[in-house]
Amino acid sequence: MTESGAGPTLVLVLAVAVLVGCGVILLLERSLTRVLLGIIMLGNGVNVLILLGGRPGGAPIVGSGPVERMSDPLPQAMVLTAIVITFGFTAFLLAVAYRSWYLSGDDEVPDDLEDRQIISRAGRNEASAADLGGEGPNGDPEQVDPEPARRRLRRGDDGQ
């Protein structure tokens, strides 16, 4: 923050941009270790961004000074909560990466069968089979939500 309290400095805004940018780039990798580092960097960048949104000033303790000169406590509480959530998610992802390394010898996420089919179709410049519909709810195996069954009226009318 600037000394006049006008807003964030360019250095802090650039630090947020670098942290978030590097975090997103690392999230796009196939190695779980790099994904873990990307989540940590992205979380830290967002935490700094949330802190930049608050009002600078003194400690937000009642009685320690005038209310106008106190900092905003809400971004600080949000960042504290975000730190705890990021720590828990980091521990979970670290356990998943360790388990993957222990079982397979590396922590790279492999392609699944459907990914390989999509890549081979894209290489042959084929489109996937379109579902044109019209089969009805019982004739289409891809139909997830068939039309609901008719309800009977409560007045005793069975539609007879």
N, C-alpha and C. Protein backbone atom coordinates (compact mmCIF):
# COMPACT_ATOMS: atom_id res chain seq x y z
N MET A 1 0.84 -1.18 0.00
CA MET A 1 0.00 0.00 0.00
C MET A 1 0.88 1.24 0.00
N THR A 2 0.36 2.29 -0.53
CA THR A 2 1.12 3.53 -0.54
C THR A 2 1.02 4.18 0.83
N GLU A 3 1.94 5.09 1.10
CA GLU A 3 1.95 5.74 2.41
C GLU A 3 0.76 6.66 2.59
N SER A 4 0.24 7.21 1.50
CA SER A 4 -0.90 8.10 1.62
C SER A 4 -2.20 7.33 1.78
N GLY A 5 -2.15 6.00 1.56
CA GLY A 5 -3.35 5.20 1.71
C GLY A 5 -4.24 5.26 0.49
N ALA A 6 -3.71 5.72 -0.65
CA ALA A 6 -4.52 5.89 -1.85
C ALA A 6 -4.85 4.56 -2.52
N GLY A 7 -4.02 3.57 -2.38
CA GLY A 7 -4.29 2.29 -3.03
C GLY A 7 -3.03 1.47 -3.15
N PRO A 8 -3.12 0.37 -3.87
CA PRO A 8 -1.97 -0.53 -4.00
C PRO A 8 -0.89 0.05 -4.91
N THR A 9 0.34 -0.34 -4.66
CA THR A 9 1.44 0.09 -5.51
C THR A 9 1.52 -0.81 -6.73
N LEU A 10 2.24 -0.36 -7.73
CA LEU A 10 2.40 -1.13 -8.95
C LEU A 10 3.17 -2.41 -8.70
N VAL A 11 4.08 -2.39 -7.75
CA VAL A 11 4.88 -3.58 -7.44
C VAL A 11 3.98 -4.70 -6.91
N LEU A 12 3.05 -4.38 -6.04
CA LEU A 12 2.16 -5.40 -5.50
C LEU A 12 1.20 -5.93 -6.57
N VAL A 13 0.73 -5.06 -7.45
CA VAL A 13 -0.15 -5.50 -8.53
C VAL A 13 0.62 -6.42 -9.47
N LEU A 14 1.86 -6.09 -9.78
CA LEU A 14 2.68 -6.95 -10.64
C LEU A 14 3.00 -8.28 -9.95
N ALA A 15 3.19 -8.25 -8.64
CA ALA A 15 3.43 -9.49 -7.90
C ALA A 15 2.21 -10.40 -7.98
N VAL A 16 1.01 -9.83 -7.86
CA VAL A 16 -0.22 -10.62 -8.00
C VAL A 16 -0.30 -11.20 -9.40
N ALA A 17 -0.01 -10.39 -10.42
CA ALA A 17 -0.09 -10.86 -11.81
C ALA A 17 0.90 -11.99 -12.06
N VAL A 18 2.11 -11.87 -11.54
CA VAL A 18 3.12 -12.91 -11.76
C VAL A 18 2.73 -14.20 -11.02
N LEU A 19 2.27 -14.08 -9.79
CA LEU A 19 1.87 -15.27 -9.03
C LEU A 19 0.69 -15.99 -9.68
N VAL A 20 -0.31 -15.24 -10.09
CA VAL A 20 -1.49 -15.86 -10.71
C VAL A 20 -1.13 -16.43 -12.07
N GLY A 21 -0.35 -15.70 -12.87
CA GLY A 21 0.04 -16.18 -14.19
C GLY A 21 0.88 -17.44 -14.13
N CYS A 22 1.88 -17.45 -13.27
CA CYS A 22 2.71 -18.66 -13.12
C CYS A 22 1.90 -19.82 -12.54
N GLY A 23 0.98 -19.52 -11.63
CA GLY A 23 0.14 -20.57 -11.06
C GLY A 23 -0.76 -21.21 -12.10
N VAL A 24 -1.35 -20.41 -12.98
CA VAL A 24 -2.21 -20.96 -14.04
C VAL A 24 -1.39 -21.79 -15.01
N ILE A 25 -0.21 -21.31 -15.37
CA ILE A 25 0.65 -22.07 -16.30
C ILE A 25 1.03 -23.42 -15.68
N LEU A 26 1.36 -23.43 -14.40
CA LEU A 26 1.72 -24.69 -13.74
C LEU A 26 0.51 -25.62 -13.59
N LEU A 27 -0.68 -25.07 -13.45
CA LEU A 27 -1.87 -25.90 -13.35
C LEU A 27 -2.15 -26.67 -14.64
N LEU A 28 -1.67 -26.19 -15.76
CA LEU A 28 -1.91 -26.82 -17.04
C LEU A 28 -0.95 -27.97 -17.34
N GLU A 29 0.00 -28.22 -16.46
CA GLU A 29 0.96 -29.30 -16.65
C GLU A 29 0.33 -30.64 -16.27
N ARG A 30 0.97 -31.73 -16.69
CA ARG A 30 0.45 -33.07 -16.40
C ARG A 30 1.05 -33.67 -15.14
N SER A 31 2.10 -33.09 -14.61
CA SER A 31 2.73 -33.59 -13.40
C SER A 31 1.98 -33.06 -12.19
N LEU A 32 1.64 -33.96 -11.25
CA LEU A 32 0.91 -33.53 -10.07
C LEU A 32 1.73 -32.61 -9.17
N THR A 33 3.05 -32.76 -9.20
CA THR A 33 3.89 -31.87 -8.41
C THR A 33 3.80 -30.45 -8.93
N ARG A 34 3.81 -30.29 -10.24
CA ARG A 34 3.68 -28.95 -10.81
C ARG A 34 2.28 -28.38 -10.59
N VAL A 35 1.27 -29.23 -10.65
CA VAL A 35 -0.09 -28.78 -10.35
C VAL A 35 -0.16 -28.30 -8.91
N LEU A 36 0.48 -29.02 -8.00
CA LEU A 36 0.51 -28.62 -6.59
C LEU A 36 1.18 -27.26 -6.43
N LEU A 37 2.32 -27.06 -7.08
CA LEU A 37 2.99 -25.76 -7.01
C LEU A 37 2.13 -24.66 -7.62
N GLY A 38 1.41 -24.99 -8.70
CA GLY A 38 0.52 -24.02 -9.32
C GLY A 38 -0.61 -23.61 -8.40
N ILE A 39 -1.17 -24.56 -7.67
CA ILE A 39 -2.25 -24.23 -6.73
C ILE A 39 -1.72 -23.36 -5.60
N ILE A 40 -0.53 -23.65 -5.12
CA ILE A 40 0.05 -22.83 -4.06
C ILE A 40 0.30 -21.40 -4.55
N MET A 41 0.87 -21.27 -5.75
CA MET A 41 1.15 -19.93 -6.28
C MET A 41 -0.14 -19.17 -6.58
N LEU A 42 -1.13 -19.86 -7.15
CA LEU A 42 -2.40 -19.21 -7.44
C LEU A 42 -3.10 -18.77 -6.16
N GLY A 43 -3.07 -19.62 -5.14
CA GLY A 43 -3.67 -19.26 -3.86
C GLY A 43 -3.00 -18.06 -3.21
N ASN A 44 -1.66 -18.02 -3.26
CA ASN A 44 -0.95 -16.87 -2.69
C ASN A 44 -1.24 -15.60 -3.46
N GLY A 45 -1.32 -15.70 -4.80
CA GLY A 45 -1.64 -14.52 -5.60
C GLY A 45 -3.02 -13.98 -5.30
N VAL A 46 -3.99 -14.86 -5.16
CA VAL A 46 -5.35 -14.42 -4.84
C VAL A 46 -5.41 -13.85 -3.43
N ASN A 47 -4.66 -14.42 -2.50
CA ASN A 47 -4.63 -13.87 -1.14
C ASN A 47 -4.08 -12.44 -1.12
N VAL A 48 -3.02 -12.20 -1.86
CA VAL A 48 -2.46 -10.84 -1.94
C VAL A 48 -3.47 -9.91 -2.60
N LEU A 49 -4.17 -10.40 -3.63
CA LEU A 49 -5.17 -9.58 -4.30
C LEU A 49 -6.31 -9.20 -3.35
N ILE A 50 -6.75 -10.14 -2.54
CA ILE A 50 -7.80 -9.83 -1.56
C ILE A 50 -7.31 -8.81 -0.55
N LEU A 51 -6.07 -8.94 -0.10
CA LEU A 51 -5.53 -7.96 0.85
C LEU A 51 -5.41 -6.58 0.23
N LEU A 52 -5.13 -6.52 -1.07
CA LEU A 52 -5.04 -5.22 -1.74
C LEU A 52 -6.39 -4.52 -1.82
N GLY A 53 -7.47 -5.29 -1.72
CA GLY A 53 -8.80 -4.70 -1.78
C GLY A 53 -9.22 -4.03 -0.49
N GLY A 54 -8.52 -4.28 0.58
CA GLY A 54 -8.90 -3.69 1.87
C GLY A 54 -8.32 -2.30 2.07
N ARG A 55 -8.85 -1.61 3.05
CA ARG A 55 -8.38 -0.27 3.38
C ARG A 55 -7.15 -0.35 4.28
N PRO A 56 -6.07 0.37 3.93
CA PRO A 56 -4.89 0.35 4.79
C PRO A 56 -5.11 1.18 6.05
N GLY A 57 -4.36 0.86 7.08
CA GLY A 57 -4.47 1.63 8.31
C GLY A 57 -3.89 0.86 9.48
N GLY A 58 -4.30 1.27 10.65
CA GLY A 58 -3.81 0.65 11.87
C GLY A 58 -4.52 -0.66 12.16
N ALA A 59 -4.16 -1.27 13.28
CA ALA A 59 -4.76 -2.53 13.68
C ALA A 59 -6.25 -2.34 13.95
N PRO A 60 -7.10 -3.24 13.44
CA PRO A 60 -8.54 -3.07 13.63
C PRO A 60 -9.01 -3.56 14.99
N ILE A 61 -8.48 -2.95 16.04
CA ILE A 61 -8.85 -3.29 17.41
C ILE A 61 -9.56 -2.09 18.00
N VAL A 62 -10.75 -2.30 18.52
CA VAL A 62 -11.54 -1.21 19.06
C VAL A 62 -10.81 -0.61 20.26
N GLY A 63 -10.69 0.71 20.26
CA GLY A 63 -10.05 1.41 21.36
C GLY A 63 -8.59 1.70 21.14
N SER A 64 -8.00 1.15 20.05
CA SER A 64 -6.58 1.40 19.81
C SER A 64 -6.34 2.68 19.02
N GLY A 65 -7.37 3.28 18.51
CA GLY A 65 -7.22 4.50 17.73
C GLY A 65 -8.55 4.87 17.12
N PRO A 66 -8.56 5.96 16.34
CA PRO A 66 -9.81 6.37 15.70
C PRO A 66 -10.26 5.35 14.65
N VAL A 67 -11.55 5.20 14.51
CA VAL A 67 -12.11 4.20 13.60
C VAL A 67 -11.74 4.50 12.15
N GLU A 68 -11.64 5.77 11.80
CA GLU A 68 -11.33 6.15 10.41
C GLU A 68 -9.94 5.69 9.98
N ARG A 69 -9.03 5.52 10.93
CA ARG A 69 -7.65 5.17 10.61
C ARG A 69 -7.37 3.67 10.74
N MET A 70 -8.40 2.87 11.01
CA MET A 70 -8.23 1.41 11.15
C MET A 70 -8.30 0.76 9.77
N SER A 71 -7.59 -0.34 9.65
CA SER A 71 -7.68 -1.11 8.40
C SER A 71 -8.96 -1.93 8.40
N ASP A 72 -9.32 -2.42 7.22
CA ASP A 72 -10.54 -3.20 7.07
C ASP A 72 -10.26 -4.63 7.53
N PRO A 73 -10.96 -5.17 8.52
CA PRO A 73 -10.67 -6.52 9.01
C PRO A 73 -11.25 -7.63 8.14
N LEU A 74 -12.21 -7.34 7.28
CA LEU A 74 -12.85 -8.39 6.48
C LEU A 74 -11.88 -9.06 5.51
N PRO A 75 -11.08 -8.32 4.72
CA PRO A 75 -10.12 -9.02 3.85
C PRO A 75 -9.10 -9.85 4.62
N GLN A 76 -8.72 -9.40 5.80
CA GLN A 76 -7.78 -10.17 6.60
C GLN A 76 -8.40 -11.49 7.05
N ALA A 77 -9.66 -11.46 7.44
CA ALA A 77 -10.35 -12.69 7.85
C ALA A 77 -10.54 -13.62 6.66
N MET A 78 -10.86 -13.05 5.49
CA MET A 78 -11.04 -13.88 4.29
C MET A 78 -9.73 -14.55 3.89
N VAL A 79 -8.63 -13.82 3.97
CA VAL A 79 -7.33 -14.40 3.62
C VAL A 79 -6.93 -15.47 4.62
N LEU A 80 -7.21 -15.27 5.88
CA LEU A 80 -6.90 -16.29 6.88
C LEU A 80 -7.67 -17.57 6.60
N THR A 81 -8.94 -17.43 6.23
CA THR A 81 -9.75 -18.60 5.87
C THR A 81 -9.22 -19.26 4.61
N ALA A 82 -8.83 -18.45 3.61
CA ALA A 82 -8.30 -18.98 2.36
C ALA A 82 -6.98 -19.72 2.59
N ILE A 83 -6.18 -19.25 3.50
CA ILE A 83 -4.91 -19.92 3.81
C ILE A 83 -5.18 -21.31 4.38
N VAL A 84 -6.15 -21.42 5.26
CA VAL A 84 -6.48 -22.72 5.85
C VAL A 84 -7.03 -23.67 4.78
N ILE A 85 -7.90 -23.18 3.91
CA ILE A 85 -8.46 -24.02 2.85
C ILE A 85 -7.37 -24.45 1.88
N THR A 86 -6.50 -23.54 1.50
CA THR A 86 -5.40 -23.87 0.58
C THR A 86 -4.45 -24.89 1.21
N PHE A 87 -4.21 -24.76 2.50
CA PHE A 87 -3.35 -25.72 3.19
C PHE A 87 -3.96 -27.12 3.17
N GLY A 88 -5.25 -27.22 3.44
CA GLY A 88 -5.92 -28.52 3.40
C GLY A 88 -5.91 -29.13 2.01
N PHE A 89 -6.19 -28.31 1.00
CA PHE A 89 -6.19 -28.81 -0.38
C PHE A 89 -4.79 -29.20 -0.82
N THR A 90 -3.79 -28.45 -0.38
CA THR A 90 -2.39 -28.78 -0.68
C THR A 90 -2.00 -30.11 -0.05
N ALA A 91 -2.40 -30.34 1.19
CA ALA A 91 -2.09 -31.61 1.86
C ALA A 91 -2.75 -32.77 1.13
N PHE A 92 -4.00 -32.59 0.70
CA PHE A 92 -4.69 -33.66 -0.04
C PHE A 92 -4.00 -33.94 -1.37
N LEU A 93 -3.67 -32.90 -2.12
CA LEU A 93 -3.03 -33.10 -3.42
C LEU A 93 -1.62 -33.67 -3.26
N LEU A 94 -0.94 -33.30 -2.21
CA LEU A 94 0.38 -33.88 -1.93
C LEU A 94 0.26 -35.38 -1.64
N ALA A 95 -0.78 -35.77 -0.91
CA ALA A 95 -1.00 -37.20 -0.64
C ALA A 95 -1.34 -37.95 -1.93
N VAL A 96 -2.13 -37.35 -2.80
CA VAL A 96 -2.46 -37.99 -4.08
C VAL A 96 -1.21 -38.12 -4.94
N ALA A 97 -0.38 -37.08 -5.00
CA ALA A 97 0.85 -37.14 -5.80
C ALA A 97 1.81 -38.19 -5.24
N TYR A 98 1.92 -38.27 -3.93
CA TYR A 98 2.80 -39.28 -3.33
C TYR A 98 2.29 -40.68 -3.63
N ARG A 99 0.99 -40.88 -3.52
CA ARG A 99 0.42 -42.20 -3.79
C ARG A 99 0.62 -42.58 -5.26
N SER A 100 0.46 -41.62 -6.16
CA SER A 100 0.69 -41.88 -7.58
C SER A 100 2.15 -42.23 -7.84
N TRP A 101 3.05 -41.52 -7.20
CA TRP A 101 4.48 -41.80 -7.36
C TRP A 101 4.83 -43.17 -6.77
N TYR A 102 4.23 -43.50 -5.63
CA TYR A 102 4.51 -44.77 -4.97
C TYR A 102 4.04 -45.96 -5.81
N LEU A 103 2.88 -45.83 -6.46
CA LEU A 103 2.31 -46.94 -7.23
C LEU A 103 2.91 -47.06 -8.62
N SER A 104 3.19 -45.93 -9.27
CA SER A 104 3.61 -46.01 -10.67
C SER A 104 5.03 -45.53 -10.93
N GLY A 105 5.68 -44.93 -9.97
CA GLY A 105 7.04 -44.47 -10.17
C GLY A 105 7.14 -43.05 -10.67
N ASP A 106 6.03 -42.44 -11.08
CA ASP A 106 6.02 -41.02 -11.45
C ASP A 106 4.66 -40.44 -11.06
N ASP A 107 4.58 -39.13 -11.10
CA ASP A 107 3.33 -38.49 -10.70
C ASP A 107 2.62 -37.83 -11.87
N GLU A 108 2.89 -38.32 -13.06
CA GLU A 108 2.25 -37.75 -14.25
C GLU A 108 0.87 -38.37 -14.44
N VAL A 109 -0.10 -37.53 -14.78
CA VAL A 109 -1.46 -38.00 -15.00
C VAL A 109 -1.55 -38.58 -16.41
N PRO A 110 -1.90 -39.88 -16.53
CA PRO A 110 -1.95 -40.49 -17.87
C PRO A 110 -3.22 -40.12 -18.61
N ASP A 111 -3.19 -40.28 -19.95
CA ASP A 111 -4.39 -40.10 -20.76
C ASP A 111 -5.35 -41.24 -20.49
N ASP A 112 -6.63 -40.95 -20.51
CA ASP A 112 -7.58 -42.04 -20.44
C ASP A 112 -8.02 -42.43 -21.85
N LEU A 113 -8.80 -43.46 -21.98
CA LEU A 113 -9.18 -44.02 -23.27
C LEU A 113 -9.93 -43.00 -24.12
N GLU A 114 -10.81 -42.24 -23.50
CA GLU A 114 -11.60 -41.27 -24.26
C GLU A 114 -10.73 -40.15 -24.80
N ASP A 115 -9.73 -39.71 -24.04
CA ASP A 115 -8.80 -38.70 -24.53
C ASP A 115 -8.06 -39.19 -25.77
N ARG A 116 -7.63 -40.43 -25.73
CA ARG A 116 -6.91 -40.99 -26.88
C ARG A 116 -7.80 -41.09 -28.10
N GLN A 117 -9.09 -41.43 -27.91
CA GLN A 117 -10.01 -41.49 -29.03
C GLN A 117 -10.24 -40.11 -29.64
N ILE A 118 -10.35 -39.11 -28.82
CA ILE A 118 -10.55 -37.75 -29.31
C ILE A 118 -9.32 -37.29 -30.08
N ILE A 119 -8.13 -37.60 -29.59
CA ILE A 119 -6.90 -37.20 -30.28
C ILE A 119 -6.79 -37.90 -31.62
N SER A 120 -7.14 -39.20 -31.67
CA SER A 120 -7.04 -39.91 -32.96
C SER A 120 -8.08 -39.41 -33.95
N ARG A 121 -9.29 -39.06 -33.48
CA ARG A 121 -10.30 -38.50 -34.38
C ARG A 121 -9.88 -37.12 -34.89
N ALA A 122 -9.26 -36.34 -34.03
CA ALA A 122 -8.80 -35.02 -34.47
C ALA A 122 -7.69 -35.16 -35.50
N GLY A 123 -6.84 -36.17 -35.34
CA GLY A 123 -5.77 -36.40 -36.31
C GLY A 123 -6.30 -36.83 -37.66
N ARG A 124 -7.41 -37.57 -37.66
CA ARG A 124 -8.02 -38.01 -38.92
C ARG A 124 -9.03 -36.99 -39.44
N ASN A 125 -9.22 -35.90 -38.71
CA ASN A 125 -10.16 -34.83 -39.07
C ASN A 125 -11.59 -35.36 -39.13
N GLU A 126 -11.94 -36.24 -38.19
CA GLU A 126 -13.28 -36.80 -38.08
C GLU A 126 -14.05 -36.07 -37.00
N ALA A 127 -15.34 -35.99 -37.20
CA ALA A 127 -16.20 -35.47 -36.15
C ALA A 127 -16.78 -36.64 -35.39
N SER A 128 -17.05 -36.45 -34.12
CA SER A 128 -17.67 -37.52 -33.36
C SER A 128 -19.11 -37.67 -33.81
N ALA A 129 -19.67 -38.84 -33.58
CA ALA A 129 -21.03 -39.12 -34.02
C ALA A 129 -22.01 -38.21 -33.30
N ALA A 130 -22.81 -37.51 -34.07
CA ALA A 130 -23.78 -36.59 -33.49
C ALA A 130 -25.02 -37.36 -33.06
N ASP A 131 -25.61 -36.95 -31.95
CA ASP A 131 -26.84 -37.53 -31.47
C ASP A 131 -27.98 -36.69 -32.01
N LEU A 132 -28.67 -37.20 -33.01
CA LEU A 132 -29.74 -36.43 -33.65
C LEU A 132 -31.06 -36.56 -32.90
N GLY A 133 -31.17 -37.51 -32.02
CA GLY A 133 -32.36 -37.65 -31.21
C GLY A 133 -33.50 -38.29 -31.98
N GLY A 134 -34.70 -38.17 -31.46
CA GLY A 134 -35.88 -38.69 -32.11
C GLY A 134 -36.16 -40.14 -31.79
N GLU A 135 -35.37 -40.80 -30.96
CA GLU A 135 -35.59 -42.21 -30.66
C GLU A 135 -36.61 -42.40 -29.55
N GLY A 136 -36.88 -41.40 -28.79
CA GLY A 136 -37.75 -41.54 -27.63
C GLY A 136 -36.93 -41.85 -26.40
N PRO A 137 -37.54 -41.75 -25.22
CA PRO A 137 -36.77 -41.93 -23.98
C PRO A 137 -36.26 -43.35 -23.77
N ASN A 138 -36.94 -44.37 -24.31
CA ASN A 138 -36.51 -45.74 -24.07
C ASN A 138 -35.56 -46.25 -25.14
N GLY A 139 -35.50 -45.58 -26.30
CA GLY A 139 -34.67 -46.06 -27.38
C GLY A 139 -33.29 -45.46 -27.42
N ASP A 140 -33.03 -44.44 -26.63
CA ASP A 140 -31.75 -43.75 -26.67
C ASP A 140 -30.95 -44.09 -25.41
N PRO A 141 -29.83 -44.82 -25.54
CA PRO A 141 -29.05 -45.18 -24.34
C PRO A 141 -28.36 -43.97 -23.71
N GLU A 142 -28.24 -42.87 -24.45
CA GLU A 142 -27.59 -41.69 -23.88
C GLU A 142 -28.57 -40.81 -23.13
N GLN A 143 -29.83 -41.14 -23.17
CA GLN A 143 -30.85 -40.32 -22.52
C GLN A 143 -30.70 -40.45 -21.01
N VAL A 144 -30.41 -39.35 -20.37
CA VAL A 144 -30.16 -39.37 -18.94
C VAL A 144 -31.44 -39.15 -18.16
N ASP A 145 -32.27 -38.24 -18.63
CA ASP A 145 -33.46 -37.85 -17.89
C ASP A 145 -34.69 -38.07 -18.77
N PRO A 146 -35.25 -39.27 -18.75
CA PRO A 146 -36.45 -39.47 -19.56
C PRO A 146 -37.59 -38.64 -19.01
N GLU A 147 -38.62 -38.45 -19.83
CA GLU A 147 -39.71 -37.61 -19.37
C GLU A 147 -40.38 -38.26 -18.17
N PRO A 148 -40.84 -37.44 -17.21
CA PRO A 148 -41.38 -38.01 -15.96
C PRO A 148 -42.70 -38.74 -16.20
N ALA A 149 -42.97 -39.71 -15.34
CA ALA A 149 -44.24 -40.43 -15.41
C ALA A 149 -45.37 -39.50 -15.00
N ARG A 150 -46.53 -39.72 -15.59
CA ARG A 150 -47.68 -38.88 -15.26
C ARG A 150 -48.14 -39.17 -13.84
N ARG A 151 -48.49 -38.11 -13.14
CA ARG A 151 -48.98 -38.27 -11.77
C ARG A 151 -50.50 -38.39 -11.78
N ARG A 152 -51.00 -39.14 -10.85
CA ARG A 152 -52.45 -39.25 -10.71
C ARG A 152 -52.96 -38.04 -9.95
N LEU A 153 -54.13 -37.62 -10.29
CA LEU A 153 -54.74 -36.48 -9.59
C LEU A 153 -55.13 -36.89 -8.19
N ARG A 154 -55.07 -35.98 -7.27
CA ARG A 154 -55.37 -36.29 -5.86
C ARG A 154 -56.86 -36.36 -5.57
N ARG A 155 -57.66 -35.85 -6.47
CA ARG A 155 -59.10 -35.83 -6.19
C ARG A 155 -59.76 -37.20 -6.40
N GLY A 156 -58.99 -38.17 -6.77
CA GLY A 156 -59.56 -39.48 -6.99
C GLY A 156 -59.81 -39.76 -8.46
N ASP A 157 -59.52 -38.76 -9.32
CA ASP A 157 -59.69 -38.98 -10.75
C ASP A 157 -58.50 -39.74 -11.26
N ASP A 158 -58.71 -40.94 -11.74
CA ASP A 158 -57.64 -41.76 -12.26
C ASP A 158 -57.48 -41.57 -13.75
N GLY A 159 -58.18 -40.65 -14.34
CA GLY A 159 -58.10 -40.46 -15.77
C GLY A 159 -58.95 -41.46 -16.50
N GLN A 160 -59.91 -42.09 -15.79
CA GLN A 160 -60.78 -43.10 -16.43
C GLN A 160 -62.09 -42.49 -16.80
